[in-house]
């Protein structure tokens, strides 16, 4: 469940703030992480998203919540 939430938050960050994503090539050879690298200016946004996840009103009805896969009708 936690991994699904984390991946949803990363998708939301990339969609809503594409300019805050650091291209992998910029840090190649410096760090082992290959994705989910964000500019320092994204920290307040990331903290807000994490606070929302901890909120009793979470999950919100937006892109941070993974959408369930539609079920196929049984025959």
C-alpha atoms as a PDB file:
ATOM      1  CA  UNK A   1       0.000   0.000   0.000  1.00  0.00           C
ATOM      2  CA  UNK A   2       2.769   2.460   0.921  1.00  0.00           C
ATOM      3  CA  UNK A   3       4.608   1.865  -2.344  1.00  0.00           C
ATOM      4  CA  UNK A   4       1.409   2.460  -4.313  1.00  0.00           C
ATOM      5  CA  UNK A   5       0.845   5.752  -2.475  1.00  0.00           C
ATOM      6  CA  UNK A   6       4.455   6.819  -3.023  1.00  0.00           C
ATOM      7  CA  UNK A   7       4.293   6.077  -6.750  1.00  0.00           C
ATOM      8  CA  UNK A   8       1.008   8.003  -6.991  1.00  0.00           C
ATOM      9  CA  UNK A   9       2.586  11.016  -5.321  1.00  0.00           C
ATOM     10  CA  UNK A  10       5.532  10.875  -7.723  1.00  0.00           C
ATOM     11  CA  UNK A  11       3.121  10.743 -10.689  1.00  0.00           C
ATOM     12  CA  UNK A  12       1.272  13.741  -9.294  1.00  0.00           C
ATOM     13  CA  UNK A  13       4.490  15.709  -8.768  1.00  0.00           C
ATOM     14  CA  UNK A  14       5.692  14.993 -12.306  1.00  0.00           C
ATOM     15  CA  UNK A  15       2.313  15.938 -13.793  1.00  0.00           C
ATOM     16  CA  UNK A  16       1.734  19.091 -11.722  1.00  0.00           C
ATOM     17  CA  UNK A  17       5.347  20.340 -11.470  1.00  0.00           C
ATOM     18  CA  UNK A  18       7.389  19.004 -14.417  1.00  0.00           C
ATOM     19  CA  UNK A  19       9.952  21.798 -14.048  1.00  0.00           C
ATOM     20  CA  UNK A  20      10.883  20.520 -10.584  1.00  0.00           C
ATOM     21  CA  UNK A  21      12.001  17.102 -11.873  1.00  0.00           C
ATOM     22  CA  UNK A  22      15.790  16.791 -12.227  1.00  0.00           C
ATOM     23  CA  UNK A  23      16.822  14.783 -15.320  1.00  0.00           C
ATOM     24  CA  UNK A  24      18.683  11.593 -14.429  1.00  0.00           C
ATOM     25  CA  UNK A  25      21.670  12.558 -16.604  1.00  0.00           C
ATOM     26  CA  UNK A  26      22.356  15.662 -14.489  1.00  0.00           C
ATOM     27  CA  UNK A  27      23.266  13.578 -11.447  1.00  0.00           C
ATOM     28  CA  UNK A  28      24.610  10.474 -13.130  1.00  0.00           C
ATOM     29  CA  UNK A  29      27.727   9.295 -11.326  1.00  0.00           C
ATOM     30  CA  UNK A  30      26.934  11.370  -8.247  1.00  0.00           C
ATOM     31  CA  UNK A  31      24.076   9.417  -6.682  1.00  0.00           C
ATOM     32  CA  UNK A  32      22.614   5.948  -7.089  1.00  0.00           C
ATOM     33  CA  UNK A  33      18.994   7.096  -7.362  1.00  0.00           C
ATOM     34  CA  UNK A  34      17.805   7.002 -10.954  1.00  0.00           C
ATOM     35  CA  UNK A  35      14.345   8.542 -10.652  1.00  0.00           C
ATOM     36  CA  UNK A  36      12.216  10.633  -8.317  1.00  0.00           C
ATOM     37  CA  UNK A  37      14.842  13.374  -8.135  1.00  0.00           C
ATOM     38  CA  UNK A  38      13.408  16.847  -7.570  1.00  0.00           C
ATOM     39  CA  UNK A  39      14.770  20.396  -7.319  1.00  0.00           C
ATOM     40  CA  UNK A  40      15.167  21.843  -3.825  1.00  0.00           C
ATOM     41  CA  UNK A  41      12.277  24.231  -4.557  1.00  0.00           C
ATOM     42  CA  UNK A  42       9.971  21.204  -4.628  1.00  0.00           C
ATOM     43  CA  UNK A  43      10.522  20.486  -0.930  1.00  0.00           C
ATOM     44  CA  UNK A  44       7.516  22.551   0.315  1.00  0.00           C
ATOM     45  CA  UNK A  45       5.294  20.841  -2.266  1.00  0.00           C
ATOM     46  CA  UNK A  46       6.545  17.383  -1.261  1.00  0.00           C
ATOM     47  CA  UNK A  47       6.081  18.152   2.452  1.00  0.00           C
ATOM     48  CA  UNK A  48       2.523  19.367   1.803  1.00  0.00           C
ATOM     49  CA  UNK A  49       1.702  16.173  -0.096  1.00  0.00           C
ATOM     50  CA  UNK A  50       3.115  14.035   2.719  1.00  0.00           C
ATOM     51  CA  UNK A  51       1.142  16.040   5.294  1.00  0.00           C
ATOM     52  CA  UNK A  52      -1.995  15.407   3.250  1.00  0.00           C
ATOM     53  CA  UNK A  53      -1.313  11.657   3.246  1.00  0.00           C
ATOM     54  CA  UNK A  54      -1.124  11.748   7.054  1.00  0.00           C
ATOM     55  CA  UNK A  55      -4.336  13.776   7.267  1.00  0.00           C
ATOM     56  CA  UNK A  56      -7.539  12.028   8.385  1.00  0.00           C
ATOM     57  CA  UNK A  57      -9.225  13.491   5.273  1.00  0.00           C
ATOM     58  CA  UNK A  58      -6.882  11.603   2.972  1.00  0.00           C
ATOM     59  CA  UNK A  59      -7.234  10.093   0.389  1.00  0.00           C
ATOM     60  CA  UNK A  60      -8.291  13.059  -1.653  1.00  0.00           C
ATOM     61  CA  UNK A  61     -10.271  12.567  -4.809  1.00  0.00           C
ATOM     62  CA  UNK A  62      -7.505  13.411  -7.280  1.00  0.00           C
ATOM     63  CA  UNK A  63      -4.437  11.935  -8.974  1.00  0.00           C
ATOM     64  CA  UNK A  64      -2.581  11.086  -5.730  1.00  0.00           C
ATOM     65  CA  UNK A  65      -4.974   8.244  -5.029  1.00  0.00           C
ATOM     66  CA  UNK A  66      -4.360   5.225  -7.248  1.00  0.00           C
ATOM     67  CA  UNK A  67      -7.355   4.432  -9.388  1.00  0.00           C
ATOM     68  CA  UNK A  68      -8.704   0.901  -9.056  1.00  0.00           C
ATOM     69  CA  UNK A  69      -8.494  -1.254 -12.134  1.00  0.00           C
ATOM     70  CA  UNK A  70     -11.873  -1.993 -13.690  1.00  0.00           C
ATOM     71  CA  UNK A  71     -12.969  -5.559 -13.190  1.00  0.00           C
ATOM     72  CA  UNK A  72     -13.961  -7.718 -16.091  1.00  0.00           C
ATOM     73  CA  UNK A  73     -17.362  -9.311 -15.772  1.00  0.00           C
ATOM     74  CA  UNK A  74     -17.237 -13.040 -15.135  1.00  0.00           C
ATOM     75  CA  UNK A  75     -18.778 -15.348 -17.660  1.00  0.00           C
END
